[in-house]
Amino acid sequence: HQLQKVKQQCPPIDFDNIMETDLARQLHEIEEQEQNNLLEKTLELQLSQHDNQPYRMSDDDMKKQLKQIEIVKQSEKNEQQRQYNKILQQLKQYEKLEI
């Protein structure tokens, strides 16, 4: 009887919503990864044309661009971990209700 009371108090887990959120997150990750790849290709192109252009990118500029790429990648990783933790927490709550 106590278990039924707990089940009634906790909202049911909406797995469709969780899956939709996860798919949206995955799509967002793919889009960000493509954006990062484009940034990296642009940087590589600039580096390959480095000797052919009158303007030479300074080492500081290259370091800044590389640092920006690292920051974007780290923020993506942090967001991915946050989403994973959120879904894992919801799953644990659901498992507690099923016992």
PDB file of N, CA and C in Angstrom:
ATOM      1  N   HIS A   1       0.834  -1.196   0.000  1.00  0.00           N
ATOM      2  CA  HIS A   1       0.000   0.000   0.000  1.00  0.00           C
ATOM      3  C   HIS A   1       0.879   1.261   0.000  1.00  0.00           C
ATOM      4  N   GLN A   2       1.952   1.222   0.750  1.00  0.00           N
ATOM      5  CA  GLN A   2       2.877   2.365   0.818  1.00  0.00           C
ATOM      6  C   GLN A   2       3.508   2.625  -0.549  1.00  0.00           C
ATOM      7  N   LEU A   3       3.839   1.566  -1.272  1.00  0.00           N
ATOM      8  CA  LEU A   3       4.452   1.702  -2.593  1.00  0.00           C
ATOM      9  C   LEU A   3       3.487   2.364  -3.572  1.00  0.00           C
ATOM     10  N   GLN A   4       2.230   1.995  -3.504  1.00  0.00           N
ATOM     11  CA  GLN A   4       1.243   2.612  -4.384  1.00  0.00           C
ATOM     12  C   GLN A   4       1.116   4.105  -4.089  1.00  0.00           C
ATOM     13  N   LYS A   5       1.189   4.463  -2.831  1.00  0.00           N
ATOM     14  CA  LYS A   5       1.118   5.863  -2.438  1.00  0.00           C
ATOM     15  C   LYS A   5       2.292   6.647  -3.034  1.00  0.00           C
ATOM     16  N   VAL A   6       3.484   6.055  -2.957  1.00  0.00           N
ATOM     17  CA  VAL A   6       4.682   6.700  -3.504  1.00  0.00           C
ATOM     18  C   VAL A   6       4.547   6.849  -5.009  1.00  0.00           C
ATOM     19  N   LYS A   7       4.049   5.809  -5.679  1.00  0.00           N
ATOM     20  CA  LYS A   7       3.881   5.873  -7.132  1.00  0.00           C
ATOM     21  C   LYS A   7       2.901   6.970  -7.520  1.00  0.00           C
ATOM     22  N   GLN A   8       1.863   7.153  -6.727  1.00  0.00           N
ATOM     23  CA  GLN A   8       0.874   8.177  -7.035  1.00  0.00           C
ATOM     24  C   GLN A   8       1.437   9.576  -6.790  1.00  0.00           C
ATOM     25  N   GLN A   9       2.335   9.725  -5.845  1.00  0.00           N
ATOM     26  CA  GLN A   9       2.891  11.032  -5.526  1.00  0.00           C
ATOM     27  C   GLN A   9       3.916  11.484  -6.563  1.00  0.00           C
ATOM     28  N   CYS A  10       4.658  10.557  -7.127  1.00  0.00           N
ATOM     29  CA  CYS A  10       5.697  10.900  -8.102  1.00  0.00           C
ATOM     30  C   CYS A  10       5.095  10.877  -9.500  1.00  0.00           C
ATOM     31  N   PRO A  11       5.398  11.898 -10.286  1.00  0.00           N
ATOM     32  CA  PRO A  11       4.877  11.886 -11.660  1.00  0.00           C
ATOM     33  C   PRO A  11       5.537  10.759 -12.455  1.00  0.00           C
ATOM     34  N   PRO A  12       4.800  10.177 -13.380  1.00  0.00           N
ATOM     35  CA  PRO A  12       5.390   9.100 -14.181  1.00  0.00           C
ATOM     36  C   PRO A  12       6.492   9.649 -15.087  1.00  0.00           C
ATOM     37  N   ILE A  13       7.437   8.817 -15.372  1.00  0.00           N
ATOM     38  CA  ILE A  13       8.533   9.202 -16.262  1.00  0.00           C
ATOM     39  C   ILE A  13       8.012   9.136 -17.699  1.00  0.00           C
ATOM     40  N   ASP A  14       8.192  10.211 -18.426  1.00  0.00           N
ATOM     41  CA  ASP A  14       7.745  10.278 -19.814  1.00  0.00           C
ATOM     42  C   ASP A  14       8.919   9.895 -20.715  1.00  0.00           C
ATOM     43  N   PHE A  15       8.996   8.592 -21.027  1.00  0.00           N
ATOM     44  CA  PHE A  15      10.130   8.111 -21.815  1.00  0.00           C
ATOM     45  C   PHE A  15      10.133   8.691 -23.222  1.00  0.00           C
ATOM     46  N   ASP A  16       8.951   8.957 -23.786  1.00  0.00           N
ATOM     47  CA  ASP A  16       8.907   9.582 -25.111  1.00  0.00           C
ATOM     48  C   ASP A  16       9.576  10.949 -25.065  1.00  0.00           C
ATOM     49  N   ASN A  17       9.292  11.690 -24.012  1.00  0.00           N
ATOM     50  CA  ASN A  17       9.900  13.009 -23.857  1.00  0.00           C
ATOM     51  C   ASN A  17      11.407  12.891 -23.649  1.00  0.00           C
ATOM     52  N   ILE A  18      11.812  11.901 -22.858  1.00  0.00           N
ATOM     53  CA  ILE A  18      13.243  11.689 -22.627  1.00  0.00           C
ATOM     54  C   ILE A  18      13.942  11.344 -23.939  1.00  0.00           C
ATOM     55  N   MET A  19      13.331  10.453 -24.724  1.00  0.00           N
ATOM     56  CA  MET A  19      13.935  10.070 -26.007  1.00  0.00           C
ATOM     57  C   MET A  19      13.985  11.270 -26.955  1.00  0.00           C
ATOM     58  N   GLU A  20      12.911  12.047 -26.981  1.00  0.00           N
ATOM     59  CA  GLU A  20      12.878  13.221 -27.843  1.00  0.00           C
ATOM     60  C   GLU A  20      13.963  14.215 -27.437  1.00  0.00           C
ATOM     61  N   THR A  21      14.104  14.415 -26.141  1.00  0.00           N
ATOM     62  CA  THR A  21      15.140  15.313 -25.634  1.00  0.00           C
ATOM     63  C   THR A  21      16.526  14.796 -25.992  1.00  0.00           C
ATOM     64  N   ASP A  22      16.713  13.487 -25.852  1.00  0.00           N
ATOM     65  CA  ASP A  22      18.012  12.894 -26.163  1.00  0.00           C
ATOM     66  C   ASP A  22      18.324  13.025 -27.652  1.00  0.00           C
ATOM     67  N   LEU A  23      17.330  12.781 -28.502  1.00  0.00           N
ATOM     68  CA  LEU A  23      17.550  12.923 -29.944  1.00  0.00           C
ATOM     69  C   LEU A  23      17.857  14.376 -30.307  1.00  0.00           C
ATOM     70  N   ALA A  24      17.157  15.304 -29.671  1.00  0.00           N
ATOM     71  CA  ALA A  24      17.431  16.722 -29.920  1.00  0.00           C
ATOM     72  C   ALA A  24      18.850  17.070 -29.485  1.00  0.00           C
ATOM     73  N   ARG A  25      19.272  16.510 -28.351  1.00  0.00           N
ATOM     74  CA  ARG A  25      20.628  16.744 -27.859  1.00  0.00           C
ATOM     75  C   ARG A  25      21.652  16.176 -28.837  1.00  0.00           C
ATOM     76  N   GLN A  26      21.375  14.963 -29.330  1.00  0.00           N
ATOM     77  CA  GLN A  26      22.307  14.344 -30.276  1.00  0.00           C
ATOM     78  C   GLN A  26      22.409  15.167 -31.553  1.00  0.00           C
ATOM     79  N   LEU A  27      21.267  15.660 -32.040  1.00  0.00           N
ATOM     80  CA  LEU A  27      21.272  16.497 -33.236  1.00  0.00           C
ATOM     81  C   LEU A  27      22.079  17.768 -32.984  1.00  0.00           C
ATOM     82  N   HIS A  28      21.866  18.368 -31.828  1.00  0.00           N
ATOM     83  CA  HIS A  28      22.611  19.574 -31.460  1.00  0.00           C
ATOM     84  C   HIS A  28      24.114  19.286 -31.413  1.00  0.00           C
ATOM     85  N   GLU A  29      24.486  18.142 -30.858  1.00  0.00           N
ATOM     86  CA  GLU A  29      25.904  17.765 -30.787  1.00  0.00           C
ATOM     87  C   GLU A  29      26.491  17.607 -32.185  1.00  0.00           C
ATOM     88  N   ILE A  30      25.733  16.971 -33.076  1.00  0.00           N
ATOM     89  CA  ILE A  30      26.213  16.776 -34.448  1.00  0.00           C
ATOM     90  C   ILE A  30      26.398  18.124 -35.133  1.00  0.00           C
ATOM     91  N   GLU A  31      25.428  19.021 -34.948  1.00  0.00           N
ATOM     92  CA  GLU A  31      25.541  20.348 -35.553  1.00  0.00           C
ATOM     93  C   GLU A  31      26.751  21.098 -35.008  1.00  0.00           C
ATOM     94  N   GLU A  32      26.970  21.015 -33.706  1.00  0.00           N
ATOM     95  CA  GLU A  32      28.131  21.689 -33.113  1.00  0.00           C
ATOM     96  C   GLU A  32      29.429  21.049 -33.585  1.00  0.00           C
ATOM     97  N   GLN A  33      29.424  19.738 -33.728  1.00  0.00           N
ATOM     98  CA  GLN A  33      30.620  19.053 -34.206  1.00  0.00           C
ATOM     99  C   GLN A  33      30.939  19.483 -35.638  1.00  0.00           C
ATOM    100  N   GLU A  34      29.899  19.603 -36.465  1.00  0.00           N
ATOM    101  CA  GLU A  34      30.112  20.076 -37.831  1.00  0.00           C
ATOM    102  C   GLU A  34      30.654  21.502 -37.828  1.00  0.00           C
ATOM    103  N   GLN A  35      30.138  22.325 -36.925  1.00  0.00           N
ATOM    104  CA  GLN A  35      30.625  23.699 -36.816  1.00  0.00           C
ATOM    105  C   GLN A  35      32.097  23.713 -36.396  1.00  0.00           C
ATOM    106  N   ASN A  36      32.445  22.856 -35.447  1.00  0.00           N
ATOM    107  CA  ASN A  36      33.848  22.755 -35.025  1.00  0.00           C
ATOM    108  C   ASN A  36      34.735  22.286 -36.166  1.00  0.00           C
ATOM    109  N   ASN A  37      34.256  21.295 -36.906  1.00  0.00           N
ATOM    110  CA  ASN A  37      35.031  20.796 -38.045  1.00  0.00           C
ATOM    111  C   ASN A  37      35.254  21.908 -39.060  1.00  0.00           C
ATOM    112  N   LEU A  38      34.221  22.715 -39.285  1.00  0.00           N
ATOM    113  CA  LEU A  38      34.358  23.831 -40.210  1.00  0.00           C
ATOM    114  C   LEU A  38      35.382  24.845 -39.692  1.00  0.00           C
ATOM    115  N   LEU A  39      35.332  25.128 -38.391  1.00  0.00           N
ATOM    116  CA  LEU A  39      36.325  26.038 -37.804  1.00  0.00           C
ATOM    117  C   LEU A  39      37.739  25.484 -37.967  1.00  0.00           C
ATOM    118  N   GLU A  40      37.884  24.195 -37.707  1.00  0.00           N
ATOM    119  CA  GLU A  40      39.203  23.577 -37.828  1.00  0.00           C
ATOM    120  C   GLU A  40      39.684  23.593 -39.275  1.00  0.00           C
ATOM    121  N   LYS A  41      38.782  23.307 -40.226  1.00  0.00           N
ATOM    122  CA  LYS A  41      39.170  23.326 -41.640  1.00  0.00           C
ATOM    123  C   LYS A  41      39.561  24.731 -42.070  1.00  0.00           C
ATOM    124  N   THR A  42      38.823  25.718 -41.573  1.00  0.00           N
ATOM    125  CA  THR A  42      39.152  27.111 -41.892  1.00  0.00           C
ATOM    126  C   THR A  42      40.536  27.459 -41.361  1.00  0.00           C
ATOM    127  N   LEU A  43      40.798  27.046 -40.135  1.00  0.00           N
ATOM    128  CA  LEU A  43      42.111  27.305 -39.546  1.00  0.00           C
ATOM    129  C   LEU A  43      43.206  26.580 -40.330  1.00  0.00           C
ATOM    130  N   GLU A  44      42.949  25.334 -40.696  1.00  0.00           N
ATOM    131  CA  GLU A  44      43.933  24.583 -41.479  1.00  0.00           C
ATOM    132  C   GLU A  44      44.177  25.243 -42.828  1.00  0.00           C
ATOM    133  N   LEU A  45      43.104  25.723 -43.457  1.00  0.00           N
ATOM    134  CA  LEU A  45      43.247  26.407 -44.740  1.00  0.00           C
ATOM    135  C   LEU A  45      44.078  27.676 -44.576  1.00  0.00           C
ATOM    136  N   GLN A  46      43.801  28.409 -43.512  1.00  0.00           N
ATOM    137  CA  GLN A  46      44.582  29.620 -43.257  1.00  0.00           C
ATOM    138  C   GLN A  46      46.048  29.275 -43.033  1.00  0.00           C
ATOM    139  N   LEU A  47      46.286  28.186 -42.317  1.00  0.00           N
ATOM    140  CA  LEU A  47      47.668  27.776 -42.071  1.00  0.00           C
ATOM    141  C   LEU A  47      48.352  27.317 -43.356  1.00  0.00           C
ATOM    142  N   SER A  48      47.608  26.608 -44.213  1.00  0.00           N
ATOM    143  CA  SER A  48      48.213  26.115 -45.453  1.00  0.00           C
ATOM    144  C   SER A  48      48.492  27.259 -46.420  1.00  0.00           C
ATOM    145  N   GLN A  49      47.690  28.312 -46.345  1.00  0.00           N
ATOM    146  CA  GLN A  49      47.894  29.471 -47.217  1.00  0.00           C
ATOM    147  C   GLN A  49      48.798  30.515 -46.566  1.00  0.00           C
ATOM    148  N   HIS A  50      49.265  30.163 -45.410  1.00  0.00           N
ATOM    149  CA  HIS A  50      50.067  31.074 -44.595  1.00  0.00           C
ATOM    150  C   HIS A  50      51.210  31.710 -45.397  1.00  0.00           C
ATOM    151  N   ASP A  51      51.930  30.916 -46.147  1.00  0.00           N
ATOM    152  CA  ASP A  51      53.080  31.430 -46.893  1.00  0.00           C
ATOM    153  C   ASP A  51      52.670  32.124 -48.179  1.00  0.00           C
ATOM    154  N   ASN A  52      51.482  31.823 -48.684  1.00  0.00           N
ATOM    155  CA  ASN A  52      51.057  32.372 -49.974  1.00  0.00           C
ATOM    156  C   ASN A  52      50.353  33.714 -49.855  1.00  0.00           C
ATOM    157  N   GLN A  53      50.008  34.108 -48.662  1.00  0.00           N
ATOM    158  CA  GLN A  53      49.278  35.357 -48.480  1.00  0.00           C
ATOM    159  C   GLN A  53      50.215  36.441 -47.952  1.00  0.00           C
ATOM    160  N   PRO A  54      49.948  37.672 -48.380  1.00  0.00           N
ATOM    161  CA  PRO A  54      50.755  38.763 -47.843  1.00  0.00           C
ATOM    162  C   PRO A  54      50.526  38.930 -46.337  1.00  0.00           C
ATOM    163  N   TYR A  55      49.277  38.698 -45.909  1.00  0.00           N
ATOM    164  CA  TYR A  55      48.985  38.787 -44.480  1.00  0.00           C
ATOM    165  C   TYR A  55      49.345  37.467 -43.829  1.00  0.00           C
ATOM    166  N   ARG A  56      50.116  37.536 -42.788  1.00  0.00           N
ATOM    167  CA  ARG A  56      50.484  36.320 -42.058  1.00  0.00           C
ATOM    168  C   ARG A  56      49.791  36.339 -40.704  1.00  0.00           C
ATOM    169  N   MET A  57      49.115  35.248 -40.436  1.00  0.00           N
ATOM    170  CA  MET A  57      48.448  35.142 -39.142  1.00  0.00           C
ATOM    171  C   MET A  57      49.522  34.997 -38.073  1.00  0.00           C
ATOM    172  N   SER A  58      49.393  35.789 -37.056  1.00  0.00           N
ATOM    173  CA  SER A  58      50.387  35.720 -35.987  1.00  0.00           C
ATOM    174  C   SER A  58      50.178  34.464 -35.153  1.00  0.00           C
ATOM    175  N   ASP A  59      51.215  34.086 -34.462  1.00  0.00           N
ATOM    176  CA  ASP A  59      51.112  32.929 -33.568  1.00  0.00           C
ATOM    177  C   ASP A  59      50.047  33.162 -32.504  1.00  0.00           C
ATOM    178  N   ASP A  60      49.950  34.399 -32.048  1.00  0.00           N
ATOM    179  CA  ASP A  60      48.934  34.720 -31.039  1.00  0.00           C
ATOM    180  C   ASP A  60      47.529  34.507 -31.591  1.00  0.00           C
ATOM    181  N   ASP A  61      47.308  34.922 -32.844  1.00  0.00           N
ATOM    182  CA  ASP A  61      45.992  34.723 -33.460  1.00  0.00           C
ATOM    183  C   ASP A  61      45.673  33.238 -33.593  1.00  0.00           C
ATOM    184  N   MET A  62      46.661  32.464 -33.996  1.00  0.00           N
ATOM    185  CA  MET A  62      46.448  31.017 -34.121  1.00  0.00           C
ATOM    186  C   MET A  62      46.146  30.404 -32.755  1.00  0.00           C
ATOM    187  N   LYS A  63      46.886  30.835 -31.760  1.00  0.00           N
ATOM    188  CA  LYS A  63      46.654  30.320 -30.403  1.00  0.00           C
ATOM    189  C   LYS A  63      45.258  30.693 -29.914  1.00  0.00           C
ATOM    190  N   LYS A  64      44.823  31.916 -30.225  1.00  0.00           N
ATOM    191  CA  LYS A  64      43.483  32.351 -29.820  1.00  0.00           C
ATOM    192  C   LYS A  64      42.411  31.492 -30.487  1.00  0.00           C
ATOM    193  N   GLN A  65      42.588  31.229 -31.783  1.00  0.00           N
ATOM    194  CA  GLN A  65      41.604  30.409 -32.487  1.00  0.00           C
ATOM    195  C   GLN A  65      41.582  28.988 -31.934  1.00  0.00           C
ATOM    196  N   LEU A  66      42.738  28.436 -31.690  1.00  0.00           N
ATOM    197  CA  LEU A  66      42.800  27.089 -31.119  1.00  0.00           C
ATOM    198  C   LEU A  66      42.165  27.060 -29.732  1.00  0.00           C
ATOM    199  N   LYS A  67      42.404  28.096 -28.950  1.00  0.00           N
ATOM    200  CA  LYS A  67      41.810  28.181 -27.612  1.00  0.00           C
ATOM    201  C   LYS A  67      40.291  28.269 -27.707  1.00  0.00           C
ATOM    202  N   GLN A  68      39.788  29.036 -28.675  1.00  0.00           N
ATOM    203  CA  GLN A  68      38.340  29.140 -28.867  1.00  0.00           C
ATOM    204  C   GLN A  68      37.739  27.784 -29.230  1.00  0.00           C
ATOM    205  N   ILE A  69      38.415  27.046 -30.071  1.00  0.00           N
ATOM    206  CA  ILE A  69      37.943  25.707 -30.442  1.00  0.00           C
ATOM    207  C   ILE A  69      37.916  24.809 -29.213  1.00  0.00           C
ATOM    208  N   GLU A  70      38.955  24.874 -28.400  1.00  0.00           N
ATOM    209  CA  GLU A  70      39.000  24.071 -27.172  1.00  0.00           C
ATOM    210  C   GLU A  70      37.858  24.439 -26.228  1.00  0.00           C
ATOM    211  N   ILE A  71      37.578  25.730 -26.108  1.00  0.00           N
ATOM    212  CA  ILE A  71      36.498  26.187 -25.224  1.00  0.00           C
ATOM    213  C   ILE A  71      35.153  25.666 -25.716  1.00  0.00           C
ATOM    214  N   VAL A  72      34.925  25.747 -27.022  1.00  0.00           N
ATOM    215  CA  VAL A  72      33.665  25.247 -27.586  1.00  0.00           C
ATOM    216  C   VAL A  72      33.531  23.751 -27.340  1.00  0.00           C
ATOM    217  N   LYS A  73      34.599  23.015 -27.575  1.00  0.00           N
ATOM    218  CA  LYS A  73      34.554  21.566 -27.360  1.00  0.00           C
ATOM    219  C   LYS A  73      34.298  21.229 -25.892  1.00  0.00           C
ATOM    220  N   GLN A  74      34.920  21.954 -24.981  1.00  0.00           N
ATOM    221  CA  GLN A  74      34.720  21.692 -23.555  1.00  0.00           C
ATOM    222  C   GLN A  74      33.296  22.022 -23.134  1.00  0.00           C
ATOM    223  N   SER A  75      32.757  23.115 -23.656  1.00  0.00           N
ATOM    224  CA  SER A  75      31.376  23.469 -23.296  1.00  0.00           C
ATOM    225  C   SER A  75      30.402  22.431 -23.831  1.00  0.00           C
ATOM    226  N   GLU A  76      30.672  21.895 -25.013  1.00  0.00           N
ATOM    227  CA  GLU A  76      29.838  20.814 -25.556  1.00  0.00           C
ATOM    228  C   GLU A  76      29.909  19.586 -24.655  1.00  0.00           C
ATOM    229  N   LYS A  77      31.110  19.261 -24.240  1.00  0.00           N
ATOM    230  CA  LYS A  77      31.301  18.100 -23.370  1.00  0.00           C
ATOM    231  C   LYS A  77      30.565  18.290 -22.047  1.00  0.00           C
ATOM    232  N   ASN A  78      30.648  19.489 -21.482  1.00  0.00           N
ATOM    233  CA  ASN A  78      29.958  19.784 -20.226  1.00  0.00           C
ATOM    234  C   ASN A  78      28.445  19.666 -20.382  1.00  0.00           C
ATOM    235  N   GLU A  79      27.914  20.191 -21.488  1.00  0.00           N
ATOM    236  CA  GLU A  79      26.473  20.116 -21.733  1.00  0.00           C
ATOM    237  C   GLU A  79      26.035  18.665 -21.918  1.00  0.00           C
ATOM    238  N   GLN A  80      26.832  17.910 -22.632  1.00  0.00           N
ATOM    239  CA  GLN A  80      26.522  16.496 -22.839  1.00  0.00           C
ATOM    240  C   GLN A  80      26.502  15.757 -21.499  1.00  0.00           C
ATOM    241  N   GLN A  81      27.452  16.041 -20.638  1.00  0.00           N
ATOM    242  CA  GLN A  81      27.506  15.390 -19.327  1.00  0.00           C
ATOM    243  C   GLN A  81      26.311  15.807 -18.475  1.00  0.00           C
ATOM    244  N   ARG A  82      25.931  17.072 -18.554  1.00  0.00           N
ATOM    245  CA  ARG A  82      24.782  17.563 -17.794  1.00  0.00           C
ATOM    246  C   ARG A  82      23.501  16.851 -18.235  1.00  0.00           C
ATOM    247  N   GLN A  83      23.324  16.711 -19.548  1.00  0.00           N
ATOM    248  CA  GLN A  83      22.144  16.012 -20.068  1.00  0.00           C
ATOM    249  C   GLN A  83      22.151  14.548 -19.644  1.00  0.00           C
ATOM    250  N   TYR A  84      23.306  13.918 -19.717  1.00  0.00           N
ATOM    251  CA  TYR A  84      23.429  12.514 -19.312  1.00  0.00           C
ATOM    252  C   TYR A  84      23.067  12.353 -17.837  1.00  0.00           C
ATOM    253  N   ASN A  85      23.591  13.231 -16.997  1.00  0.00           N
ATOM    254  CA  ASN A  85      23.307  13.165 -15.561  1.00  0.00           C
ATOM    255  C   ASN A  85      21.819  13.352 -15.284  1.00  0.00           C
ATOM    256  N   LYS A  86      21.195  14.257 -16.021  1.00  0.00           N
ATOM    257  CA  LYS A  86      19.763  14.513 -15.840  1.00  0.00           C
ATOM    258  C   LYS A  86      18.948  13.266 -16.194  1.00  0.00           C
ATOM    259  N   ILE A  87      19.255  12.658 -17.311  1.00  0.00           N
ATOM    260  CA  ILE A  87      18.531  11.459 -17.733  1.00  0.00           C
ATOM    261  C   ILE A  87      18.807  10.309 -16.780  1.00  0.00           C
ATOM    262  N   LEU A  88      20.036  10.172 -16.341  1.00  0.00           N
ATOM    263  CA  LEU A  88      20.386   9.110 -15.398  1.00  0.00           C
ATOM    264  C   LEU A  88      19.633   9.291 -14.083  1.00  0.00           C
ATOM    265  N   GLN A  89      19.524  10.515 -13.625  1.00  0.00           N
ATOM    266  CA  GLN A  89      18.793  10.790 -12.388  1.00  0.00           C
ATOM    267  C   GLN A  89      17.316  10.426 -12.547  1.00  0.00           C
ATOM    268  N   GLN A  90      16.735  10.760 -13.692  1.00  0.00           N
ATOM    269  CA  GLN A  90      15.335  10.409 -13.936  1.00  0.00           C
ATOM    270  C   GLN A  90      15.157   8.899 -13.975  1.00  0.00           C
ATOM    271  N   LEU A  91      16.093   8.212 -14.581  1.00  0.00           N
ATOM    272  CA  LEU A  91      16.022   6.758 -14.653  1.00  0.00           C
ATOM    273  C   LEU A  91      16.120   6.143 -13.264  1.00  0.00           C
ATOM    274  N   LYS A  92      17.005   6.667 -12.431  1.00  0.00           N
ATOM    275  CA  LYS A  92      17.143   6.151 -11.063  1.00  0.00           C
ATOM    276  C   LYS A  92      15.859   6.363 -10.267  1.00  0.00           C
ATOM    277  N   GLN A  93      15.226   7.520 -10.455  1.00  0.00           N
ATOM    278  CA  GLN A  93      13.954   7.768  -9.769  1.00  0.00           C
ATOM    279  C   GLN A  93      12.908   6.756 -10.219  1.00  0.00           C
ATOM    280  N   TYR A  94      12.885   6.483 -11.498  1.00  0.00           N
ATOM    281  CA  TYR A  94      11.922   5.526 -12.037  1.00  0.00           C
ATOM    282  C   TYR A  94      12.195   4.127 -11.488  1.00  0.00           C
ATOM    283  N   GLU A  95      13.468   3.744 -11.430  1.00  0.00           N
ATOM    284  CA  GLU A  95      13.820   2.419 -10.914  1.00  0.00           C
ATOM    285  C   GLU A  95      13.411   2.275  -9.453  1.00  0.00           C
ATOM    286  N   LYS A  96      13.535   3.338  -8.681  1.00  0.00           N
ATOM    287  CA  LYS A  96      13.118   3.292  -7.278  1.00  0.00           C
ATOM    288  C   LYS A  96      11.617   3.043  -7.163  1.00  0.00           C
ATOM    289  N   LEU A  97      10.862   3.601  -8.075  1.00  0.00           N
ATOM    290  CA  LEU A  97       9.411   3.429  -8.038  1.00  0.00           C
ATOM    291  C   LEU A  97       8.996   2.015  -8.414  1.00  0.00           C
ATOM    292  N   GLU A  98       9.759   1.380  -9.269  1.00  0.00           N
ATOM    293  CA  GLU A  98       9.411   0.043  -9.755  1.00  0.00           C
ATOM    294  C   GLU A  98       9.710  -1.055  -8.749  1.00  0.00           C
ATOM    295  N   ILE A  99      10.555  -0.793  -7.787  1.00  0.00           N
ATOM    296  CA  ILE A  99      10.964  -1.824  -6.818  1.00  0.00           C
ATOM    297  C   ILE A  99       9.836  -2.186  -5.892  1.00  0.00           C
TER     298      ILE A  99
END
